[in-house]
């Protein structure tokens, strides 16, 4: 058994997911995280990092107390929801109930506050702004009790402007807090924050997979801009993808492209930051059920989302940021 997991229920959960062996980041992070040390993990989305922190978190939970123990922040509600789903899947195997709550925008705030008055969750997963709201503005979420703080996709959180929120949340936590930070890159601007809170962190750098080994074919199509929509439409008919994501640079452009494809009878949906939270999570559910062949996406809403079955990616506009 290569997977050294201490608690039976966690092992059951992991087996149900069909894991055969740990990924590189899991091998490196799990034993260190289990000891309660600070960790900086530099790896791309899709390297298995969510379970790299969730497995040791569940192994170290003290289910005999009612106190909040773990806070996990993620920059977008889609990514927070992904972590929440993974965490629930593990918790479901436990004989003792494990209270996990997700706090992201667009949820019923009064209900959340009432429930916090009654009891604290064991694990909190959410966006930094929302956790700051419940912990600092409302003073209902007792983050000072937390033993572990995970900051996922830290560089993206910084891009969106969440670093201040994360800073304030961390400031409320205990001195002997375990902090784990995961990020695709470690930009200069992030370093002072890491130095401020972390104590001789264990650093893991997972080299990005060689793109050439992923067997992706890149095709560049030069066209005049006014032919763009027509060419996109005929291109889609030629490739007949399993699922294609079409990236645009702005919400407006994404709206325009998806409307155009919809009017031409194509099975299309769109995801961007301007779409209300509820609508977005409904769309994501449908996308994960394979209800759409085409997804038009823009900006931050689509970064790091895991969609199974994507066979083609089309950059309708060249990305501003490589």
Protein backbone atom coordinates (compact mmCIF):
# COMPACT_ATOMS: atom_id res chain seq x y z
CA UNK A 1 0.00 0.00 0.00
CA UNK A 2 1.80 3.10 -1.23
CA UNK A 3 -0.85 5.41 0.16
CA UNK A 4 -0.09 5.86 3.79
CA UNK A 5 -3.37 7.10 5.25
CA UNK A 6 -3.92 6.79 8.99
CA UNK A 7 -7.70 6.96 9.37
CA UNK A 8 -9.89 4.28 7.88
CA UNK A 9 -12.73 6.59 6.77
CA UNK A 10 -10.33 8.82 4.83
CA UNK A 11 -8.86 5.76 3.16
CA UNK A 12 -12.37 4.65 2.17
CA UNK A 13 -13.12 8.07 0.71
CA UNK A 14 -9.91 8.11 -1.29
CA UNK A 15 -10.54 4.59 -2.60
CA UNK A 16 -14.00 5.62 -3.77
CA UNK A 17 -12.35 8.35 -5.81
CA UNK A 18 -10.28 5.65 -7.48
CA UNK A 19 -6.89 6.99 -6.36
CA UNK A 20 -4.23 4.34 -6.85
CA UNK A 21 -1.21 6.29 -5.68
CA UNK A 22 -0.41 9.79 -4.52
CA UNK A 23 0.60 12.47 -7.03
CA UNK A 24 3.99 14.15 -6.63
CA UNK A 25 2.62 17.07 -4.61
CA UNK A 26 0.62 14.73 -2.36
CA UNK A 27 3.70 12.59 -1.66
CA UNK A 28 5.66 15.67 -0.62
CA UNK A 29 3.00 17.69 1.21
CA UNK A 30 0.98 15.11 3.17
CA UNK A 31 3.68 13.89 5.62
CA UNK A 32 4.83 17.45 6.37
CA UNK A 33 1.31 18.85 6.68
CA UNK A 34 0.43 16.02 9.03
CA UNK A 35 3.14 17.28 11.40
CA UNK A 36 1.54 20.71 11.47
CA UNK A 37 4.30 22.55 9.62
CA UNK A 38 3.90 25.59 7.40
CA UNK A 39 4.00 24.85 3.68
CA UNK A 40 4.36 26.80 0.47
CA UNK A 41 3.31 24.69 -2.49
CA UNK A 42 3.99 25.94 -5.97
CA UNK A 43 2.05 23.90 -8.50
CA UNK A 44 -0.40 24.20 -11.35
CA UNK A 45 -4.09 23.48 -11.06
CA UNK A 46 -4.75 19.81 -11.64
CA UNK A 47 -1.69 18.51 -9.80
CA UNK A 48 -3.84 17.03 -7.02
CA UNK A 49 -3.06 19.73 -4.48
CA UNK A 50 -6.57 19.88 -3.01
CA UNK A 51 -6.21 16.38 -1.60
CA UNK A 52 -2.62 17.17 -0.62
CA UNK A 53 -4.01 19.53 2.02
CA UNK A 54 -7.41 17.92 2.67
CA UNK A 55 -6.09 14.47 3.61
CA UNK A 56 -3.76 15.71 6.42
CA UNK A 57 -6.42 18.20 7.54
CA UNK A 58 -8.94 15.40 8.07
CA UNK A 59 -6.31 13.20 9.71
CA UNK A 60 -5.56 15.93 12.27
CA UNK A 61 -9.15 16.94 13.08
CA UNK A 62 -10.18 16.75 16.71
CA UNK A 63 -13.80 15.65 16.51
CA UNK A 64 -14.27 15.71 20.28
CA UNK A 65 -14.51 19.52 20.39
CA UNK A 66 -17.00 21.95 18.85
CA UNK A 67 -14.41 24.54 17.96
CA UNK A 68 -13.63 25.74 14.45
CA UNK A 69 -10.34 24.19 13.36
CA UNK A 70 -9.70 24.83 9.69
CA UNK A 71 -10.17 27.81 7.38
CA UNK A 72 -9.58 27.41 3.64
CA UNK A 73 -9.81 30.40 1.30
CA UNK A 74 -10.12 30.21 -2.45
CA UNK A 75 -10.42 33.24 -4.75
CA UNK A 76 -13.54 32.36 -6.76
CA UNK A 77 -16.75 30.71 -5.70
CA UNK A 78 -16.35 28.04 -8.37
CA UNK A 79 -12.97 27.01 -6.98
CA UNK A 80 -14.22 27.19 -3.40
CA UNK A 81 -17.10 24.98 -4.42
CA UNK A 82 -14.72 22.46 -5.96
CA UNK A 83 -12.78 22.19 -2.65
CA UNK A 84 -16.06 21.99 -0.72
CA UNK A 85 -17.26 19.08 -2.85
CA UNK A 86 -13.99 17.19 -2.28
CA UNK A 87 -14.15 17.86 1.48
CA UNK A 88 -17.78 16.70 1.72
CA UNK A 89 -16.90 13.53 -0.14
CA UNK A 90 -14.31 12.66 2.54
CA UNK A 91 -16.53 13.74 5.46
CA UNK A 92 -19.38 11.53 4.26
CA UNK A 93 -17.33 8.45 5.12
CA UNK A 94 -16.85 9.50 8.74
CA UNK A 95 -18.97 7.89 11.50
CA UNK A 96 -18.90 11.12 13.48
CA UNK A 97 -20.51 14.11 11.75
CA UNK A 98 -18.06 16.73 10.48
CA UNK A 99 -19.57 20.19 10.06
CA UNK A 100 -18.21 21.76 6.87
CA UNK A 101 -19.63 25.06 5.68
CA UNK A 102 -19.07 26.94 2.48
CA UNK A 103 -19.16 30.74 2.52
CA UNK A 104 -19.18 32.46 -0.86
CA UNK A 105 -21.10 35.42 -2.23
CA UNK A 106 -24.69 35.01 -3.31
CA UNK A 107 -25.81 32.83 -0.41
CA UNK A 108 -28.40 33.57 2.27
CA UNK A 109 -26.46 35.69 4.75
CA UNK A 110 -29.07 35.83 7.52
CA UNK A 111 -29.37 32.07 7.60
CA UNK A 112 -25.59 31.74 7.78
CA UNK A 113 -25.38 34.22 10.67
CA UNK A 114 -28.21 32.55 12.60
CA UNK A 115 -26.52 29.19 12.22
CA UNK A 116 -23.17 30.61 13.38
CA UNK A 117 -24.87 31.97 16.51
CA UNK A 118 -25.85 28.39 17.35
CA UNK A 119 -22.64 26.56 16.42
CA UNK A 120 -19.27 26.91 14.71
CA UNK A 121 -18.34 24.72 11.76
CA UNK A 122 -15.31 22.43 12.05
CA UNK A 123 -14.05 23.37 8.57
CA UNK A 124 -14.79 26.58 6.68
CA UNK A 125 -14.23 26.92 2.93
CA UNK A 126 -14.92 30.18 1.17
CA UNK A 127 -13.87 33.33 -0.62
CA UNK A 128 -11.69 35.74 1.39
CA UNK A 129 -14.13 38.66 1.24
CA UNK A 130 -16.99 36.58 2.55
CA UNK A 131 -14.95 35.02 5.38
CA UNK A 132 -13.69 38.47 6.36
CA UNK A 133 -17.30 39.68 6.47
CA UNK A 134 -18.41 36.88 8.83
CA UNK A 135 -15.27 36.94 10.98
CA UNK A 136 -14.49 40.63 11.26
CA UNK A 137 -17.52 42.69 10.37
CA UNK A 138 -20.12 40.40 11.94
CA UNK A 139 -17.80 38.76 14.51
CA UNK A 140 -19.75 35.54 14.20
CA UNK A 141 -17.15 33.21 12.72
CA UNK A 142 -14.49 32.40 15.33
CA UNK A 143 -11.45 32.24 13.10
CA UNK A 144 -9.21 32.87 16.14
CA UNK A 145 -9.87 29.24 17.11
CA UNK A 146 -8.45 27.90 13.86
CA UNK A 147 -5.39 25.66 13.97
CA UNK A 148 -4.88 25.50 10.20
CA UNK A 149 -5.25 28.17 7.52
CA UNK A 150 -5.03 27.18 3.85
CA UNK A 151 -4.73 29.85 1.17
CA UNK A 152 -5.39 28.31 -2.20
CA UNK A 153 -4.50 29.94 -5.55
CA UNK A 154 -2.72 32.75 -3.68
CA UNK A 155 -1.46 34.51 -6.83
CA UNK A 156 -4.99 34.63 -8.23
CA UNK A 157 -6.35 35.91 -4.91
CA UNK A 158 -3.78 38.66 -5.11
CA UNK A 159 -4.75 39.54 -8.70
CA UNK A 160 -8.39 39.90 -7.69
CA UNK A 161 -7.42 42.10 -4.74
CA UNK A 162 -8.11 39.65 -1.93
CA UNK A 163 -4.71 39.89 -0.24
CA UNK A 164 -5.90 42.53 2.23
CA UNK A 165 -8.83 40.34 3.30
CA UNK A 166 -6.54 37.34 3.75
CA UNK A 167 -4.11 39.50 5.73
CA UNK A 168 -6.88 40.63 8.09
CA UNK A 169 -8.16 37.08 8.59
CA UNK A 170 -4.64 35.76 9.27
CA UNK A 171 -4.11 38.59 11.74
CA UNK A 172 -6.89 37.23 13.95
CA UNK A 173 -5.42 33.76 14.13
CA UNK A 174 -3.25 32.22 16.82
CA UNK A 175 0.53 32.53 16.86
CA UNK A 176 1.08 28.78 16.47
CA UNK A 177 -1.16 28.55 13.45
CA UNK A 178 -0.28 26.11 10.67
CA UNK A 179 -0.42 27.98 7.36
CA UNK A 180 -0.38 26.34 3.95
CA UNK A 181 -0.20 28.48 0.84
CA UNK A 182 -0.67 27.07 -2.65
CA UNK A 183 -0.06 29.08 -5.77
CA UNK A 184 0.77 28.51 -9.43
CA UNK A 185 3.48 31.19 -9.10
CA UNK A 186 4.99 33.13 -6.22
CA UNK A 187 5.03 36.78 -7.37
CA UNK A 188 7.30 39.31 -5.60
CA UNK A 189 4.27 41.12 -4.17
CA UNK A 190 3.24 37.99 -2.31
CA UNK A 191 6.57 37.51 -0.54
CA UNK A 192 6.23 40.10 2.27
CA UNK A 193 2.90 38.51 3.22
CA UNK A 194 4.44 35.05 3.34
CA UNK A 195 7.37 36.30 5.45
CA UNK A 196 5.00 38.02 7.86
CA UNK A 197 2.98 34.93 8.73
CA UNK A 198 5.00 31.86 7.93
CA UNK A 199 7.50 30.13 10.11
CA UNK A 200 10.34 28.45 8.19
CA UNK A 201 7.90 27.02 5.65
CA UNK A 202 8.58 23.77 3.84
CA UNK A 203 8.68 24.70 0.16
CA UNK A 204 7.48 22.37 -2.58
CA UNK A 205 7.93 23.26 -6.20
CA UNK A 206 6.24 20.96 -8.69
CA UNK A 207 7.51 21.60 -12.18
CA UNK A 208 4.69 22.27 -14.62
CA UNK A 209 4.06 19.34 -16.92
CA UNK A 210 5.88 19.77 -20.19
CA UNK A 211 3.24 21.10 -22.54
CA UNK A 212 4.75 19.12 -25.39
CA UNK A 213 4.13 15.89 -23.51
CA UNK A 214 0.45 16.75 -23.16
CA UNK A 215 0.09 16.18 -26.86
CA UNK A 216 -1.76 19.43 -27.57
CA UNK A 217 -1.88 20.67 -31.13
CA UNK A 218 -1.83 24.46 -31.57
CA UNK A 219 -3.41 25.99 -34.63
CA UNK A 220 -3.33 29.68 -35.51
CA UNK A 221 -5.91 31.04 -37.96
CA UNK A 222 -5.22 34.50 -39.44
CA UNK A 223 -8.44 36.28 -40.45
CA UNK A 224 -9.93 39.73 -40.97
CA UNK A 225 -11.79 40.77 -37.86
CA UNK A 226 -15.19 41.18 -39.49
CA UNK A 227 -15.20 37.55 -40.62
CA UNK A 228 -14.48 36.38 -37.11
CA UNK A 229 -17.95 35.16 -36.03
CA UNK A 230 -18.67 33.43 -39.33
CA UNK A 231 -15.34 31.65 -39.27
CA UNK A 232 -15.81 30.62 -35.64
CA UNK A 233 -19.16 29.10 -36.56
CA UNK A 234 -17.84 27.13 -39.51
CA UNK A 235 -14.78 26.06 -37.53
CA UNK A 236 -16.96 24.62 -34.77
CA UNK A 237 -18.92 22.60 -37.28
CA UNK A 238 -15.73 21.17 -38.73
CA UNK A 239 -14.15 20.13 -35.42
CA UNK A 240 -17.36 18.88 -33.78
CA UNK A 241 -15.79 18.88 -30.29
CA UNK A 242 -16.78 16.76 -27.33
CA UNK A 243 -16.70 19.99 -25.31
CA UNK A 244 -15.08 23.22 -26.50
CA UNK A 245 -14.25 26.24 -24.36
CA UNK A 246 -14.16 29.51 -26.27
CA UNK A 247 -12.26 32.26 -24.44
CA UNK A 248 -13.07 35.94 -24.90
CA UNK A 249 -11.38 38.92 -23.24
CA UNK A 250 -14.46 40.75 -22.00
CA UNK A 251 -17.93 39.95 -20.68
CA UNK A 252 -19.41 41.91 -23.60
CA UNK A 253 -17.53 39.91 -26.15
CA UNK A 254 -18.51 36.65 -24.40
CA UNK A 255 -22.17 37.71 -24.43
CA UNK A 256 -21.98 38.57 -28.11
CA UNK A 257 -20.30 35.32 -29.15
CA UNK A 258 -22.60 33.09 -27.11
CA UNK A 259 -25.73 34.87 -28.42
CA UNK A 260 -24.47 34.51 -31.98
CA UNK A 261 -23.80 30.77 -31.56
CA UNK A 262 -27.10 30.26 -29.75
CA UNK A 263 -28.97 31.95 -32.59
CA UNK A 264 -27.26 29.60 -35.01
CA UNK A 265 -28.74 26.67 -33.09
CA UNK A 266 -25.66 25.58 -31.18
CA UNK A 267 -25.71 23.97 -27.74
CA UNK A 268 -23.90 26.77 -25.91
CA UNK A 269 -23.66 28.39 -22.48
CA UNK A 270 -21.53 31.20 -21.05
CA UNK A 271 -19.58 31.81 -17.87
CA UNK A 272 -18.25 35.20 -16.81
CA UNK A 273 -17.96 37.46 -13.79
CA UNK A 274 -21.09 39.44 -14.69
CA UNK A 275 -23.39 36.45 -14.28
CA UNK A 276 -25.05 36.22 -10.84
CA UNK A 277 -23.68 33.62 -8.40
CA UNK A 278 -26.70 31.33 -8.43
CA UNK A 279 -26.90 31.30 -12.16
CA UNK A 280 -23.19 30.54 -12.39
CA UNK A 281 -23.35 27.56 -10.05
CA UNK A 282 -26.36 26.23 -11.96
CA UNK A 283 -24.46 26.55 -15.23
CA UNK A 284 -21.42 24.80 -13.71
CA UNK A 285 -23.62 21.93 -12.58
CA UNK A 286 -25.00 21.55 -16.09
CA UNK A 287 -21.52 21.81 -17.59
CA UNK A 288 -20.29 19.03 -15.30
CA UNK A 289 -23.28 16.92 -16.34
CA UNK A 290 -22.19 17.34 -19.95
CA UNK A 291 -25.29 19.32 -20.94
CA UNK A 292 -23.39 21.71 -23.23
CA UNK A 293 -21.08 21.21 -26.15
CA UNK A 294 -19.80 24.80 -26.18
CA UNK A 295 -18.83 27.04 -23.28
CA UNK A 296 -18.03 30.67 -23.92
CA UNK A 297 -15.93 32.00 -21.05
CA UNK A 298 -14.19 35.17 -20.05
CA UNK A 299 -11.97 36.54 -17.32
CA UNK A 300 -11.42 35.33 -13.83
CA UNK A 301 -14.63 33.30 -13.57
CA UNK A 302 -13.13 30.57 -15.67
CA UNK A 303 -9.60 30.40 -14.26
CA UNK A 304 -8.70 27.08 -12.74
CA UNK A 305 -12.10 25.50 -13.21
CA UNK A 306 -11.97 21.79 -13.78
CA UNK A 307 -14.24 20.70 -16.61
CA UNK A 308 -14.07 17.07 -17.68
CA UNK A 309 -14.11 16.20 -21.32
CA UNK A 310 -12.78 19.41 -22.86
CA UNK A 311 -11.45 18.40 -26.25
CA UNK A 312 -10.86 21.84 -27.81
CA UNK A 313 -9.95 25.30 -26.55
CA UNK A 314 -10.45 28.30 -28.80
CA UNK A 315 -8.96 31.69 -28.03
CA UNK A 316 -11.47 33.90 -29.83
CA UNK A 317 -9.33 36.83 -28.75
CA UNK A 318 -5.68 36.69 -27.82
CA UNK A 319 -5.32 36.67 -24.04
CA UNK A 320 -3.91 39.92 -22.59
CA UNK A 321 -1.96 37.96 -20.03
CA UNK A 322 0.05 34.92 -21.14
